[in-house]
Amino acid sequence: MSFNLFRQSSVAGLAFWVMAALGTSFIHPPAARAGQDAAAFFKQNCSACHTIGGGKLLGPDLKGVTKARSHEWLEKWIQNPQAVIDSGDLTALKLKKEYNGIVMPPVPGMTPQMAESLLNFIAEESGEASGAAPAAEAQAPPFTPEQVAEGKALFLGGQQLQDGGPACISCHAVKSVGGALGGGQLGPDLTQVYKRLNGRKGLEAWLSSPASATMKPIFNKHPLKPAEIGALTAFFEQTSKETGTENASAYRLRFTLFGLGGAAVGLVVLGLIWKRRIRGVRRALVEGKLGI
């Protein structure tokens, strides 16, 4: 009697958990969960450079890309863009040239399964996109002199970033600011970054979520505030206008000349020190004080 009761309760418990598992699958089927994961992944890792129907940013608008390119090519590109470029692929080389030599960096956490989910997500969003043209950048209100000044202070570190991120000048240089050496050399020169990133919209998108391997881990923890992004963009727009098409070669040359000058001064100082030392030894020898 008790054994039968135990068996019935066990069967009932097992049936309950099976039904619960099935119910969960019906409520959140694997395809739906994969779509949700892909949407979150896209927002965190891709939206700084791409939109789906919102126009170009740092990279191309991805609306309709699953029809424009083969599925196999897109999977390879998403997982390792540099490898596709290094293979000599004509489409990849054309993209690199079109976007001023900027190459899509490797995406942390990318797997073949995530690449597949992203392509499905992009295809679905492309079908739902309204197709409305993005607002022209010229319609945005112009930056004020106060924003330019604030951006310069943020770049130089005179005004600290609210979330404690490092000042730009610690790694980057911009012509005409930063003293004799122009700024840090760890990262690329930012004199023409406003133009390289296709203007205001692309630069603001990049600053909101930097995708480079160096900046991403830092600014994920210390993100820039919208006002700081606007001020830095205003500053870079201004420096881009002031410097025309001049590139970073002037900074490299100046840095090299300062290095050579410093080395020459150091050698002169060392020569004087050693010269005096040699004279002291020779004098001791002449006077017979070394006991030789």
Protein backbone atom coordinates (compact mmCIF):
# COMPACT_ATOMS: atom_id res chain seq x y z
CA MET A 1 0.00 0.00 0.00
CA SER A 2 2.71 2.48 1.01
CA PHE A 3 4.89 1.30 -1.89
CA ASN A 4 2.11 1.96 -4.39
CA LEU A 5 1.51 5.38 -2.88
CA PHE A 6 5.24 6.20 -3.12
CA ARG A 7 5.33 5.01 -6.73
CA GLN A 8 2.30 7.11 -7.65
CA SER A 9 3.75 10.21 -6.01
CA SER A 10 7.09 9.69 -7.74
CA VAL A 11 5.41 9.31 -11.12
CA ALA A 12 3.30 12.39 -10.45
CA GLY A 13 6.40 14.38 -9.43
CA LEU A 14 8.28 13.28 -12.53
CA ALA A 15 5.31 14.17 -14.72
CA PHE A 16 5.14 17.61 -13.09
CA TRP A 17 8.79 18.40 -13.85
CA VAL A 18 8.51 17.10 -17.42
CA MET A 19 5.45 19.28 -17.99
CA ALA A 20 7.22 22.24 -16.41
CA ALA A 21 10.20 21.78 -18.70
CA LEU A 22 7.93 21.44 -21.73
CA GLY A 23 5.97 24.48 -20.63
CA THR A 24 9.16 26.51 -20.35
CA SER A 25 10.16 25.42 -23.84
CA PHE A 26 6.79 26.49 -25.21
CA ILE A 27 6.93 29.85 -23.44
CA HIS A 28 10.58 30.53 -24.35
CA PRO A 29 11.44 28.34 -27.36
CA PRO A 30 15.15 28.04 -28.22
CA ALA A 31 14.77 30.15 -31.38
CA ALA A 32 13.20 33.02 -29.44
CA ARG A 33 15.91 32.91 -26.79
CA ALA A 34 18.61 32.88 -29.49
CA GLY A 35 17.00 35.94 -31.07
CA GLN A 36 16.98 37.74 -27.73
CA ASP A 37 20.65 36.84 -27.15
CA ALA A 38 21.59 38.07 -30.63
CA ALA A 39 19.74 41.35 -30.11
CA ALA A 40 21.54 42.00 -26.82
CA PHE A 41 24.88 40.98 -28.34
CA PHE A 42 24.35 43.30 -31.31
CA LYS A 43 23.48 46.22 -29.06
CA GLN A 44 26.53 45.72 -26.86
CA ASN A 45 29.14 44.90 -29.51
CA CYS A 46 27.94 46.08 -32.92
CA SER A 47 25.70 49.14 -32.54
CA ALA A 48 28.63 51.56 -32.09
CA CYS A 49 29.60 50.99 -35.72
CA HIS A 50 26.49 49.66 -37.45
CA THR A 51 22.76 50.19 -37.74
CA ILE A 52 20.09 48.06 -39.38
CA GLY A 53 18.21 50.56 -41.52
CA GLY A 54 19.48 53.68 -39.74
CA GLY A 55 22.25 54.68 -42.15
CA LYS A 56 26.03 54.46 -42.07
CA LEU A 57 28.02 55.01 -38.90
CA LEU A 58 31.64 53.97 -38.64
CA GLY A 59 30.72 50.87 -40.65
CA PRO A 60 28.05 50.17 -43.26
CA ASP A 61 24.32 49.98 -42.66
CA LEU A 62 23.55 46.25 -42.34
CA LYS A 63 19.98 46.36 -43.65
CA GLY A 64 19.68 43.76 -46.40
CA VAL A 65 23.28 42.56 -46.04
CA THR A 66 22.17 38.92 -45.78
CA LYS A 67 20.79 39.21 -49.32
CA ALA A 68 23.69 41.24 -50.67
CA ARG A 69 26.40 38.81 -49.48
CA SER A 70 26.56 35.01 -49.28
CA HIS A 71 25.87 33.40 -45.93
CA GLU A 72 29.26 31.67 -45.95
CA TRP A 73 31.12 34.93 -46.63
CA LEU A 74 29.28 36.77 -43.86
CA GLU A 75 30.00 34.04 -41.32
CA LYS A 76 33.72 34.20 -42.10
CA TRP A 77 33.73 38.00 -41.98
CA ILE A 78 31.90 38.26 -38.66
CA GLN A 79 34.23 35.78 -36.98
CA ASN A 80 37.56 37.10 -38.32
CA PRO A 81 37.49 40.18 -40.62
CA GLN A 82 41.27 40.54 -40.76
CA ALA A 83 41.69 36.94 -41.95
CA VAL A 84 39.27 37.59 -44.82
CA ILE A 85 41.22 40.72 -45.79
CA ASP A 86 44.55 38.88 -45.56
CA SER A 87 43.19 36.19 -47.87
CA GLY A 88 42.99 38.82 -50.63
CA ASP A 89 39.19 38.76 -50.84
CA LEU A 90 38.20 41.56 -53.23
CA THR A 91 35.00 42.47 -51.38
CA ALA A 92 36.87 42.77 -48.07
CA LEU A 93 39.62 44.90 -49.62
CA LYS A 94 37.01 47.18 -51.19
CA LEU A 95 35.32 47.65 -47.81
CA LYS A 96 38.63 48.50 -46.18
CA LYS A 97 39.36 51.13 -48.82
CA GLU A 98 35.83 52.56 -48.67
CA TYR A 99 36.05 53.05 -44.91
CA ASN A 100 39.46 54.78 -44.85
CA GLY A 101 41.47 51.71 -43.91
CA ILE A 102 39.45 51.03 -40.75
CA VAL A 103 39.12 47.29 -40.17
CA MET A 104 36.39 45.78 -38.03
CA PRO A 105 38.12 44.48 -34.86
CA PRO A 106 37.57 40.95 -33.52
CA VAL A 107 34.41 40.81 -31.43
CA PRO A 108 34.91 39.33 -27.93
CA GLY A 109 32.75 36.28 -27.32
CA MET A 110 32.08 35.63 -31.02
CA THR A 111 31.40 31.99 -31.87
CA PRO A 112 30.04 30.24 -34.99
CA GLN A 113 26.72 29.85 -33.18
CA MET A 114 26.56 33.55 -32.31
CA ALA A 115 27.51 34.49 -35.87
CA GLU A 116 24.60 32.40 -37.14
CA SER A 117 22.23 33.99 -34.61
CA LEU A 118 23.40 37.50 -35.57
CA LEU A 119 22.80 36.87 -39.25
CA ASN A 120 19.31 35.60 -38.50
CA PHE A 121 18.68 38.66 -36.32
CA ILE A 122 19.93 41.04 -39.04
CA ALA A 123 17.79 39.31 -41.67
CA GLU A 124 14.72 39.60 -39.45
CA GLU A 125 15.38 43.24 -38.57
CA SER A 126 16.00 44.08 -42.23
CA GLY A 127 12.54 42.84 -43.08
CA GLU A 128 10.95 44.88 -40.28
CA ALA A 129 12.90 48.09 -40.86
CA SER A 130 10.71 50.90 -42.06
CA GLY A 131 13.23 52.05 -44.63
CA ALA A 132 12.94 55.69 -43.56
CA ALA A 133 16.03 57.68 -44.47
CA PRO A 134 18.19 58.70 -41.49
CA ALA A 135 18.17 62.33 -40.52
CA ALA A 136 20.88 64.31 -42.24
CA GLU A 137 23.80 65.26 -40.05
CA ALA A 138 23.50 68.89 -41.18
CA GLN A 139 20.15 69.12 -39.37
CA ALA A 140 21.81 68.65 -36.00
CA PRO A 141 22.38 71.92 -34.11
CA PRO A 142 25.92 73.26 -34.49
CA PHE A 143 28.32 72.95 -31.59
CA THR A 144 28.92 75.96 -29.39
CA PRO A 145 32.32 77.47 -28.50
CA GLU A 146 31.68 76.38 -24.91
CA GLN A 147 31.37 72.75 -26.03
CA VAL A 148 34.61 73.01 -28.01
CA ALA A 149 36.41 74.46 -24.96
CA GLU A 150 34.99 71.75 -22.69
CA GLY A 151 36.04 69.05 -25.18
CA LYS A 152 39.57 70.43 -25.24
CA ALA A 153 39.70 70.40 -21.43
CA LEU A 154 38.48 66.79 -21.38
CA PHE A 155 41.04 65.78 -23.99
CA LEU A 156 43.91 67.39 -22.09
CA GLY A 157 42.76 66.13 -18.69
CA GLY A 158 42.15 69.61 -17.29
CA GLN A 159 38.56 68.50 -16.69
CA GLN A 160 38.14 64.96 -15.40
CA LEU A 161 35.67 62.51 -16.94
CA GLN A 162 32.74 61.98 -14.59
CA ASP A 163 33.07 58.19 -14.42
CA GLY A 164 36.83 58.31 -13.88
CA GLY A 165 38.07 57.31 -17.32
CA PRO A 166 41.58 58.36 -18.42
CA ALA A 167 42.14 61.56 -20.39
CA CYS A 168 42.53 61.13 -24.14
CA ILE A 169 45.98 62.75 -24.20
CA SER A 170 47.45 59.92 -22.14
CA CYS A 171 47.29 57.74 -25.28
CA HIS A 172 46.52 60.07 -28.20
CA ALA A 173 47.82 63.23 -29.85
CA VAL A 174 46.09 66.10 -31.63
CA LYS A 175 47.89 68.78 -33.60
CA SER A 176 48.29 72.16 -31.86
CA VAL A 177 47.45 70.86 -28.36
CA GLY A 178 49.36 68.91 -25.76
CA GLY A 179 52.63 70.82 -25.59
CA ALA A 180 55.82 70.18 -27.48
CA LEU A 181 55.34 66.43 -27.91
CA GLY A 182 51.69 66.75 -28.89
CA GLY A 183 50.34 63.99 -26.64
CA GLY A 184 50.57 60.24 -26.12
CA GLN A 185 51.76 57.82 -28.77
CA LEU A 186 50.12 54.59 -27.55
CA GLY A 187 47.00 55.15 -29.64
CA PRO A 188 46.46 56.68 -33.10
CA ASP A 189 46.68 60.39 -33.77
CA LEU A 190 43.20 61.96 -33.49
CA THR A 191 43.77 65.15 -35.46
CA GLN A 192 41.53 63.97 -38.31
CA VAL A 193 39.39 61.46 -36.38
CA TYR A 194 36.23 63.47 -37.11
CA LYS A 195 36.70 62.90 -40.84
CA ARG A 196 38.01 59.35 -40.51
CA LEU A 197 34.87 58.27 -38.66
CA ASN A 198 32.56 59.90 -41.21
CA GLY A 199 31.59 62.94 -39.20
CA ARG A 200 29.51 63.67 -36.17
CA LYS A 201 27.20 60.68 -36.15
CA GLY A 202 29.95 58.09 -36.58
CA LEU A 203 32.26 59.70 -34.03
CA GLU A 204 29.54 60.01 -31.38
CA ALA A 205 28.59 56.36 -31.93
CA TRP A 206 32.22 55.31 -31.49
CA LEU A 207 32.72 57.36 -28.33
CA SER A 208 29.55 55.92 -26.82
CA SER A 209 30.97 52.40 -27.08
CA PRO A 210 34.61 52.22 -28.25
CA ALA A 211 35.21 48.92 -29.99
CA SER A 212 39.02 48.78 -29.95
CA ALA A 213 40.69 46.06 -27.88
CA THR A 214 42.46 48.69 -25.75
CA MET A 215 39.58 51.08 -25.09
CA LYS A 216 36.68 48.64 -24.77
CA PRO A 217 37.58 47.10 -21.37
CA ILE A 218 38.35 50.54 -19.93
CA PHE A 219 35.30 52.43 -21.11
CA ASN A 220 32.90 49.56 -20.46
CA LYS A 221 33.65 50.26 -16.80
CA HIS A 222 33.98 54.03 -17.18
CA PRO A 223 31.57 55.06 -19.97
CA LEU A 224 31.49 58.61 -21.27
CA LYS A 225 28.45 60.72 -20.47
CA PRO A 226 26.35 62.08 -23.38
CA ALA A 227 27.49 65.65 -22.62
CA GLU A 228 31.14 64.52 -22.63
CA ILE A 229 30.64 62.74 -25.95
CA GLY A 230 29.14 65.90 -27.43
CA ALA A 231 31.96 68.10 -26.11
CA LEU A 232 34.71 65.80 -27.39
CA THR A 233 33.00 65.56 -30.78
CA ALA A 234 32.82 69.37 -30.92
CA PHE A 235 36.53 69.60 -30.13
CA PHE A 236 37.49 67.02 -32.78
CA GLU A 237 35.29 68.72 -35.35
CA GLN A 238 37.10 72.00 -34.63
CA THR A 239 40.59 70.48 -34.84
CA SER A 240 39.63 68.78 -38.08
CA LYS A 241 38.67 72.13 -39.60
CA GLU A 242 41.78 73.90 -38.31
CA THR A 243 44.32 71.37 -39.55
CA GLY A 244 42.97 70.62 -43.00
CA THR A 245 44.42 67.42 -44.43
CA GLU A 246 47.65 67.36 -42.43
CA ASN A 247 48.34 63.98 -40.87
CA ALA A 248 50.32 62.65 -37.91
CA SER A 249 53.73 62.72 -39.64
CA ALA A 250 54.53 66.12 -38.10
CA TYR A 251 54.06 64.65 -34.63
CA ARG A 252 56.23 61.65 -35.41
CA LEU A 253 58.97 63.90 -36.77
CA ARG A 254 58.79 66.23 -33.79
CA PHE A 255 58.84 63.30 -31.38
CA THR A 256 61.90 61.85 -33.16
CA LEU A 257 63.73 65.19 -33.17
CA PHE A 258 63.11 65.68 -29.46
CA GLY A 259 64.38 62.16 -28.82
CA LEU A 260 67.54 62.73 -30.84
CA GLY A 261 68.09 66.10 -29.17
CA GLY A 262 67.70 64.58 -25.73
CA ALA A 263 70.12 61.78 -26.63
CA ALA A 264 72.69 64.31 -27.91
CA VAL A 265 72.48 66.36 -24.71
CA GLY A 266 72.85 63.21 -22.64
CA LEU A 267 75.94 62.15 -24.57
CA VAL A 268 77.53 65.58 -24.14
CA VAL A 269 76.91 65.48 -20.37
CA LEU A 270 78.33 61.96 -20.10
CA GLY A 271 81.36 63.02 -22.19
CA LEU A 272 82.12 65.88 -19.85
CA ILE A 273 81.83 63.63 -16.81
CA TRP A 274 84.10 60.95 -18.24
CA LYS A 275 86.56 63.54 -19.54
CA ARG A 276 87.05 64.90 -16.05
CA ARG A 277 87.42 61.38 -14.72
CA ILE A 278 90.12 60.53 -17.25
CA ARG A 279 91.99 63.74 -16.40
CA GLY A 280 91.86 62.81 -12.73
CA VAL A 281 93.32 59.38 -13.43
CA ARG A 282 96.06 60.79 -15.66
CA ARG A 283 97.02 63.38 -13.05
CA ALA A 284 97.32 60.68 -10.43
CA LEU A 285 99.52 58.63 -12.73
CA VAL A 286 101.79 61.58 -13.48
CA GLU A 287 102.15 62.41 -9.80
CA GLY A 288 102.83 58.76 -8.95
CA LYS A 289 99.98 58.50 -6.52
CA LEU A 290 98.54 55.23 -7.78
CA GLY A 291 101.40 53.15 -6.45
CA ILE A 292 102.10 51.54 -9.86
